[in-house]
């Protein structure tokens, strides 16, 4: 399973984290929850009924909501 970032096009936190991950060379798949009802429901389930983005799903199946780039790297074993 790839690293997946659930986001929206208007989310500033999403844009920042996406840019940071790209600079670090971290590959990920981006899913716009406004275009994918199943993804939106999953994000709500993970975040107590809220569509909080960015929500990341890691290759091990675990999730993190609005993590820092440092937290992402740590979870991936990169730092």
PDB file of N, CA and C in Angstrom:
ATOM      1  N   UNK A   1       0.846  -1.181   0.000  1.00  0.00           N
ATOM      2  CA  UNK A   1       0.000   0.000   0.000  1.00  0.00           C
ATOM      3  C   UNK A   1       0.894   1.248   0.000  1.00  0.00           C
ATOM      4  N   UNK A   2       0.639   2.192  -0.891  1.00  0.00           N
ATOM      5  CA  UNK A   2       1.459   3.414  -0.915  1.00  0.00           C
ATOM      6  C   UNK A   2       1.057   4.384   0.185  1.00  0.00           C
ATOM      7  N   UNK A   3       1.912   5.335   0.469  1.00  0.00           N
ATOM      8  CA  UNK A   3       1.555   6.441   1.348  1.00  0.00           C
ATOM      9  C   UNK A   3       0.467   7.227   0.625  1.00  0.00           C
ATOM     10  N   UNK A   4      -0.653   7.471   1.305  1.00  0.00           N
ATOM     11  CA  UNK A   4      -1.775   8.169   0.687  1.00  0.00           C
ATOM     12  C   UNK A   4      -2.096   9.422   1.489  1.00  0.00           C
ATOM     13  N   UNK A   5      -2.238  10.533   0.780  1.00  0.00           N
ATOM     14  CA  UNK A   5      -2.606  11.799   1.400  1.00  0.00           C
ATOM     15  C   UNK A   5      -4.016  12.154   0.973  1.00  0.00           C
ATOM     16  N   UNK A   6      -4.917  12.232   1.947  1.00  0.00           N
ATOM     17  CA  UNK A   6      -6.285  12.660   1.699  1.00  0.00           C
ATOM     18  C   UNK A   6      -6.316  14.165   1.925  1.00  0.00           C
ATOM     19  N   UNK A   7      -6.826  14.897   0.924  1.00  0.00           N
ATOM     20  CA  UNK A   7      -6.735  16.347   0.961  1.00  0.00           C
ATOM     21  C   UNK A   7      -7.911  16.981   0.233  1.00  0.00           C
ATOM     22  N   UNK A   8      -7.868  18.332   0.158  1.00  0.00           N
ATOM     23  CA  UNK A   8      -8.759  19.109  -0.697  1.00  0.00           C
ATOM     24  C   UNK A   8      -7.881  20.109  -1.443  1.00  0.00           C
ATOM     25  N   UNK A   9      -8.386  20.640  -2.538  1.00  0.00           N
ATOM     26  CA  UNK A   9      -7.576  21.576  -3.321  1.00  0.00           C
ATOM     27  C   UNK A   9      -7.375  22.905  -2.601  1.00  0.00           C
ATOM     28  N   UNK A  10      -8.273  23.282  -1.710  1.00  0.00           N
ATOM     29  CA  UNK A  10      -8.210  24.581  -1.041  1.00  0.00           C
ATOM     30  C   UNK A  10      -7.489  24.555   0.305  1.00  0.00           C
ATOM     31  N   UNK A  11      -7.040  23.401   0.741  1.00  0.00           N
ATOM     32  CA  UNK A  11      -6.425  23.250   2.072  1.00  0.00           C
ATOM     33  C   UNK A  11      -4.961  23.696   2.056  1.00  0.00           C
ATOM     34  N   UNK A  12      -4.677  24.790   2.756  1.00  0.00           N
ATOM     35  CA  UNK A  12      -3.303  25.292   2.825  1.00  0.00           C
ATOM     36  C   UNK A  12      -2.356  24.337   3.512  1.00  0.00           C
ATOM     37  N   UNK A  13      -2.811  23.670   4.577  1.00  0.00           N
ATOM     38  CA  UNK A  13      -1.963  22.697   5.276  1.00  0.00           C
ATOM     39  C   UNK A  13      -1.605  21.539   4.348  1.00  0.00           C
ATOM     40  N   UNK A  14      -2.571  21.151   3.504  1.00  0.00           N
ATOM     41  CA  UNK A  14      -2.325  20.076   2.538  1.00  0.00           C
ATOM     42  C   UNK A  14      -1.261  20.497   1.533  1.00  0.00           C
ATOM     43  N   UNK A  15      -1.386  21.710   1.011  1.00  0.00           N
ATOM     44  CA  UNK A  15      -0.429  22.200   0.025  1.00  0.00           C
ATOM     45  C   UNK A  15       0.978  22.262   0.607  1.00  0.00           C
ATOM     46  N   UNK A  16       1.079  22.726   1.853  1.00  0.00           N
ATOM     47  CA  UNK A  16       2.395  22.824   2.491  1.00  0.00           C
ATOM     48  C   UNK A  16       3.017  21.449   2.685  1.00  0.00           C
ATOM     49  N   UNK A  17       2.241  20.501   3.237  1.00  0.00           N
ATOM     50  CA  UNK A  17       2.782  19.166   3.480  1.00  0.00           C
ATOM     51  C   UNK A  17       3.127  18.480   2.163  1.00  0.00           C
ATOM     52  N   UNK A  18       2.295  18.659   1.148  1.00  0.00           N
ATOM     53  CA  UNK A  18       2.569  18.061  -0.157  1.00  0.00           C
ATOM     54  C   UNK A  18       3.905  18.581  -0.706  1.00  0.00           C
ATOM     55  N   UNK A  19       4.127  19.887  -0.629  1.00  0.00           N
ATOM     56  CA  UNK A  19       5.376  20.477  -1.115  1.00  0.00           C
ATOM     57  C   UNK A  19       6.575  19.955  -0.317  1.00  0.00           C
ATOM     58  N   UNK A  20       6.411  19.841   0.994  1.00  0.00           N
ATOM     59  CA  UNK A  20       7.505  19.337   1.831  1.00  0.00           C
ATOM     60  C   UNK A  20       7.833  17.894   1.494  1.00  0.00           C
ATOM     61  N   UNK A  21       6.816  17.063   1.296  1.00  0.00           N
ATOM     62  CA  UNK A  21       7.068  15.658   0.954  1.00  0.00           C
ATOM     63  C   UNK A  21       7.723  15.549  -0.417  1.00  0.00           C
ATOM     64  N   UNK A  22       7.309  16.386  -1.362  1.00  0.00           N
ATOM     65  CA  UNK A  22       7.932  16.366  -2.685  1.00  0.00           C
ATOM     66  C   UNK A  22       9.398  16.775  -2.592  1.00  0.00           C
ATOM     67  N   UNK A  23       9.702  17.806  -1.797  1.00  0.00           N
ATOM     68  CA  UNK A  23      11.102  18.233  -1.621  1.00  0.00           C
ATOM     69  C   UNK A  23      11.945  17.140  -0.997  1.00  0.00           C
ATOM     70  N   UNK A  24      11.353  16.347  -0.108  1.00  0.00           N
ATOM     71  CA  UNK A  24      12.072  15.258   0.567  1.00  0.00           C
ATOM     72  C   UNK A  24      12.136  13.996  -0.284  1.00  0.00           C
ATOM     73  N   UNK A  25      11.480  13.998  -1.434  1.00  0.00           N
ATOM     74  CA  UNK A  25      11.487  12.831  -2.304  1.00  0.00           C
ATOM     75  C   UNK A  25      10.601  11.701  -1.814  1.00  0.00           C
ATOM     76  N   UNK A  26       9.592  12.043  -1.012  1.00  0.00           N
ATOM     77  CA  UNK A  26       8.678  11.032  -0.473  1.00  0.00           C
ATOM     78  C   UNK A  26       7.535  10.841  -1.465  1.00  0.00           C
ATOM     79  N   UNK A  27       7.427   9.633  -1.992  1.00  0.00           N
ATOM     80  CA  UNK A  27       6.369   9.322  -2.955  1.00  0.00           C
ATOM     81  C   UNK A  27       5.050   9.121  -2.228  1.00  0.00           C
ATOM     82  N   UNK A  28       3.978   9.639  -2.809  1.00  0.00           N
ATOM     83  CA  UNK A  28       2.662   9.478  -2.204  1.00  0.00           C
ATOM     84  C   UNK A  28       1.596   9.585  -3.278  1.00  0.00           C
ATOM     85  N   UNK A  29       0.426   9.094  -2.947  1.00  0.00           N
ATOM     86  CA  UNK A  29      -0.758   9.208  -3.793  1.00  0.00           C
ATOM     87  C   UNK A  29      -1.663  10.223  -3.112  1.00  0.00           C
ATOM     88  N   UNK A  30      -2.197  11.167  -3.881  1.00  0.00           N
ATOM     89  CA  UNK A  30      -3.095  12.176  -3.316  1.00  0.00           C
ATOM     90  C   UNK A  30      -4.529  11.875  -3.729  1.00  0.00           C
ATOM     91  N   UNK A  31      -5.450  11.939  -2.764  1.00  0.00           N
ATOM     92  CA  UNK A  31      -6.866  11.708  -3.018  1.00  0.00           C
ATOM     93  C   UNK A  31      -7.642  12.929  -2.522  1.00  0.00           C
ATOM     94  N   UNK A  32      -8.377  13.571  -3.424  1.00  0.00           N
ATOM     95  CA  UNK A  32      -9.204  14.728  -3.088  1.00  0.00           C
ATOM     96  C   UNK A  32     -10.530  14.213  -2.534  1.00  0.00           C
ATOM     97  N   UNK A  33     -10.769  14.452  -1.252  1.00  0.00           N
ATOM     98  CA  UNK A  33     -11.978  13.900  -0.622  1.00  0.00           C
ATOM     99  C   UNK A  33     -13.255  14.572  -1.121  1.00  0.00           C
ATOM    100  N   UNK A  34     -13.123  15.717  -1.779  1.00  0.00           N
ATOM    101  CA  UNK A  34     -14.311  16.354  -2.359  1.00  0.00           C
ATOM    102  C   UNK A  34     -14.718  15.691  -3.669  1.00  0.00           C
ATOM    103  N   UNK A  35     -13.850  14.864  -4.222  1.00  0.00           N
ATOM    104  CA  UNK A  35     -14.127  14.157  -5.474  1.00  0.00           C
ATOM    105  C   UNK A  35     -14.349  12.658  -5.250  1.00  0.00           C
ATOM    106  N   UNK A  36     -14.187  12.193  -4.008  1.00  0.00           N
ATOM    107  CA  UNK A  36     -14.243  10.758  -3.720  1.00  0.00           C
ATOM    108  C   UNK A  36     -15.028  10.550  -2.422  1.00  0.00           C
ATOM    109  N   UNK A  37     -16.299  10.189  -2.549  1.00  0.00           N
ATOM    110  CA  UNK A  37     -17.174  10.030  -1.379  1.00  0.00           C
ATOM    111  C   UNK A  37     -16.706   8.932  -0.436  1.00  0.00           C
ATOM    112  N   UNK A  38     -16.135   7.857  -0.979  1.00  0.00           N
ATOM    113  CA  UNK A  38     -15.639   6.762  -0.136  1.00  0.00           C
ATOM    114  C   UNK A  38     -14.461   7.253   0.702  1.00  0.00           C
ATOM    115  N   UNK A  39     -13.557   8.000   0.082  1.00  0.00           N
ATOM    116  CA  UNK A  39     -12.410   8.554   0.810  1.00  0.00           C
ATOM    117  C   UNK A  39     -12.878   9.545   1.864  1.00  0.00           C
ATOM    118  N   UNK A  40     -13.865  10.378   1.519  1.00  0.00           N
ATOM    119  CA  UNK A  40     -14.388  11.351   2.482  1.00  0.00           C
ATOM    120  C   UNK A  40     -14.972  10.643   3.703  1.00  0.00           C
ATOM    121  N   UNK A  41     -15.708   9.570   3.490  1.00  0.00           N
ATOM    122  CA  UNK A  41     -16.292   8.807   4.599  1.00  0.00           C
ATOM    123  C   UNK A  41     -15.204   8.162   5.455  1.00  0.00           C
ATOM    124  N   UNK A  42     -14.149   7.676   4.816  1.00  0.00           N
ATOM    125  CA  UNK A  42     -13.048   7.057   5.555  1.00  0.00           C
ATOM    126  C   UNK A  42     -12.348   8.108   6.424  1.00  0.00           C
ATOM    127  N   UNK A  43     -12.104   9.305   5.862  1.00  0.00           N
ATOM    128  CA  UNK A  43     -11.469  10.380   6.621  1.00  0.00           C
ATOM    129  C   UNK A  43     -12.350  10.766   7.816  1.00  0.00           C
ATOM    130  N   UNK A  44     -13.656  10.843   7.601  1.00  0.00           N
ATOM    131  CA  UNK A  44     -14.577  11.134   8.708  1.00  0.00           C
ATOM    132  C   UNK A  44     -14.488  10.059   9.780  1.00  0.00           C
ATOM    133  N   UNK A  45     -14.419   8.813   9.377  1.00  0.00           N
ATOM    134  CA  UNK A  45     -14.340   7.697  10.321  1.00  0.00           C
ATOM    135  C   UNK A  45     -13.072   7.790  11.167  1.00  0.00           C
ATOM    136  N   UNK A  46     -11.959   8.134  10.539  1.00  0.00           N
ATOM    137  CA  UNK A  46     -10.671   8.220  11.226  1.00  0.00           C
ATOM    138  C   UNK A  46     -10.624   9.430  12.168  1.00  0.00           C
ATOM    139  N   UNK A  47     -11.365  10.488  11.817  1.00  0.00           N
ATOM    140  CA  UNK A  47     -11.270  11.752  12.546  1.00  0.00           C
ATOM    141  C   UNK A  47     -12.546  12.122  13.306  1.00  0.00           C
ATOM    142  N   UNK A  48     -13.192  11.123  13.880  1.00  0.00           N
ATOM    143  CA  UNK A  48     -14.335  11.377  14.746  1.00  0.00           C
ATOM    144  C   UNK A  48     -15.483  12.115  14.079  1.00  0.00           C
ATOM    145  N   UNK A  49     -15.726  11.831  12.800  1.00  0.00           N
ATOM    146  CA  UNK A  49     -16.842  12.434  12.088  1.00  0.00           C
ATOM    147  C   UNK A  49     -16.486  13.695  11.325  1.00  0.00           C
ATOM    148  N   UNK A  50     -15.244  14.143  11.421  1.00  0.00           N
ATOM    149  CA  UNK A  50     -14.803  15.362  10.740  1.00  0.00           C
ATOM    150  C   UNK A  50     -14.001  15.037   9.486  1.00  0.00           C
ATOM    151  N   UNK A  51     -14.152  15.883   8.474  1.00  0.00           N
ATOM    152  CA  UNK A  51     -13.361  15.732   7.253  1.00  0.00           C
ATOM    153  C   UNK A  51     -12.084  16.550   7.398  1.00  0.00           C
ATOM    154  N   UNK A  52     -11.239  16.155   8.328  1.00  0.00           N
ATOM    155  CA  UNK A  52     -10.003  16.872   8.619  1.00  0.00           C
ATOM    156  C   UNK A  52      -8.908  16.435   7.664  1.00  0.00           C
ATOM    157  N   UNK A  53      -8.326  17.419   6.980  1.00  0.00           N
ATOM    158  CA  UNK A  53      -7.235  17.144   6.053  1.00  0.00           C
ATOM    159  C   UNK A  53      -6.079  18.090   6.356  1.00  0.00           C
ATOM    160  N   UNK A  54      -4.845  17.692   6.074  1.00  0.00           N
ATOM    161  CA  UNK A  54      -4.495  16.419   5.460  1.00  0.00           C
ATOM    162  C   UNK A  54      -4.570  15.258   6.449  1.00  0.00           C
ATOM    163  N   UNK A  55      -5.082  14.152   5.980  1.00  0.00           N
ATOM    164  CA  UNK A  55      -5.031  12.891   6.702  1.00  0.00           C
ATOM    165  C   UNK A  55      -4.179  11.961   5.846  1.00  0.00           C
ATOM    166  N   UNK A  56      -3.146  11.395   6.460  1.00  0.00           N
ATOM    167  CA  UNK A  56      -2.263  10.477   5.746  1.00  0.00           C
ATOM    168  C   UNK A  56      -2.523   9.057   6.188  1.00  0.00           C
ATOM    169  N   UNK A  57      -2.522   8.139   5.226  1.00  0.00           N
ATOM    170  CA  UNK A  57      -2.564   6.710   5.515  1.00  0.00           C
ATOM    171  C   UNK A  57      -1.217   6.142   5.106  1.00  0.00           C
ATOM    172  N   UNK A  58      -0.550   5.547   6.072  1.00  0.00           N
ATOM    173  CA  UNK A  58       0.787   5.017   5.845  1.00  0.00           C
ATOM    174  C   UNK A  58       0.720   3.608   5.278  1.00  0.00           C
ATOM    175  N   UNK A  59       1.813   3.137   4.693  1.00  0.00           N
ATOM    176  CA  UNK A  59       1.826   1.796   4.097  1.00  0.00           C
ATOM    177  C   UNK A  59       1.420   0.679   5.058  1.00  0.00           C
ATOM    178  N   UNK A  60       1.611   0.891   6.367  1.00  0.00           N
ATOM    179  CA  UNK A  60       1.220  -0.140   7.334  1.00  0.00           C
ATOM    180  C   UNK A  60      -0.264  -0.085   7.688  1.00  0.00           C
ATOM    181  N   UNK A  61      -0.999   0.866   7.068  1.00  0.00           N
ATOM    182  CA  UNK A  61      -2.436   0.984   7.308  1.00  0.00           C
ATOM    183  C   UNK A  61      -2.796   1.983   8.395  1.00  0.00           C
ATOM    184  N   UNK A  62      -1.811   2.516   9.103  1.00  0.00           N
ATOM    185  CA  UNK A  62      -2.085   3.483  10.162  1.00  0.00           C
ATOM    186  C   UNK A  62      -2.325   4.872   9.568  1.00  0.00           C
ATOM    187  N   UNK A  63      -2.875   5.761  10.375  1.00  0.00           N
ATOM    188  CA  UNK A  63      -3.242   7.106   9.933  1.00  0.00           C
ATOM    189  C   UNK A  63      -2.593   8.167  10.804  1.00  0.00           C
ATOM    190  N   UNK A  64      -2.439   9.366  10.239  1.00  0.00           N
ATOM    191  CA  UNK A  64      -2.023  10.547  10.986  1.00  0.00           C
ATOM    192  C   UNK A  64      -2.764  11.740  10.387  1.00  0.00           C
ATOM    193  N   UNK A  65      -3.269  12.602  11.259  1.00  0.00           N
ATOM    194  CA  UNK A  65      -3.993  13.783  10.818  1.00  0.00           C
ATOM    195  C   UNK A  65      -3.127  15.012  10.997  1.00  0.00           C
ATOM    196  N   UNK A  66      -2.947  15.749   9.920  1.00  0.00           N
ATOM    197  CA  UNK A  66      -2.151  16.978   9.887  1.00  0.00           C
ATOM    198  C   UNK A  66      -0.768  16.802  10.533  1.00  0.00           C
ATOM    199  N   UNK A  67      -0.026  15.780  10.116  1.00  0.00           N
ATOM    200  CA  UNK A  67       1.305  15.568  10.699  1.00  0.00           C
ATOM    201  C   UNK A  67       2.317  16.572  10.151  1.00  0.00           C
ATOM    202  N   UNK A  68       3.379  16.786  10.896  1.00  0.00           N
ATOM    203  CA  UNK A  68       4.501  17.586  10.399  1.00  0.00           C
ATOM    204  C   UNK A  68       5.327  16.720   9.461  1.00  0.00           C
ATOM    205  N   UNK A  69       6.182  17.351   8.667  1.00  0.00           N
ATOM    206  CA  UNK A  69       7.058  16.579   7.779  1.00  0.00           C
ATOM    207  C   UNK A  69       7.990  15.698   8.616  1.00  0.00           C
ATOM    208  N   UNK A  70       8.395  16.168   9.777  1.00  0.00           N
ATOM    209  CA  UNK A  70       9.232  15.360  10.662  1.00  0.00           C
ATOM    210  C   UNK A  70       8.514  14.105  11.130  1.00  0.00           C
ATOM    211  N   UNK A  71       7.237  14.246  11.464  1.00  0.00           N
ATOM    212  CA  UNK A  71       6.455  13.086  11.892  1.00  0.00           C
ATOM    213  C   UNK A  71       6.280  12.097  10.742  1.00  0.00           C
ATOM    214  N   UNK A  72       6.071  12.619   9.543  1.00  0.00           N
ATOM    215  CA  UNK A  72       5.923  11.739   8.372  1.00  0.00           C
ATOM    216  C   UNK A  72       7.213  10.949   8.155  1.00  0.00           C
ATOM    217  N   UNK A  73       8.336  11.649   8.167  1.00  0.00           N
ATOM    218  CA  UNK A  73       9.632  10.985   7.959  1.00  0.00           C
ATOM    219  C   UNK A  73       9.880   9.944   9.035  1.00  0.00           C
ATOM    220  N   UNK A  74       9.566  10.274  10.279  1.00  0.00           N
ATOM    221  CA  UNK A  74       9.773   9.320  11.377  1.00  0.00           C
ATOM    222  C   UNK A  74       8.933   8.076  11.187  1.00  0.00           C
ATOM    223  N   UNK A  75       7.653   8.247  10.832  1.00  0.00           N
ATOM    224  CA  UNK A  75       6.755   7.101  10.633  1.00  0.00           C
ATOM    225  C   UNK A  75       7.207   6.222   9.472  1.00  0.00           C
ATOM    226  N   UNK A  76       7.867   6.843   8.477  1.00  0.00           N
ATOM    227  CA  UNK A  76       8.366   6.083   7.329  1.00  0.00           C
ATOM    228  C   UNK A  76       9.769   5.542   7.540  1.00  0.00           C
ATOM    229  N   UNK A  77      10.357   5.822   8.711  1.00  0.00           N
ATOM    230  CA  UNK A  77      11.702   5.357   9.007  1.00  0.00           C
ATOM    231  C   UNK A  77      12.781   6.115   8.258  1.00  0.00           C
ATOM    232  N   UNK A  78      12.497   7.398   7.937  1.00  0.00           N
ATOM    233  CA  UNK A  78      13.444   8.204   7.163  1.00  0.00           C
ATOM    234  C   UNK A  78      14.184   9.231   8.013  1.00  0.00           C
ATOM    235  N   UNK A  79      13.917   9.287   9.272  1.00  0.00           N
ATOM    236  CA  UNK A  79      14.600  10.307  10.055  1.00  0.00           C
ATOM    237  C   UNK A  79      14.365  10.093  11.478  1.00  0.00           C
TER     238      UNK A  79
END
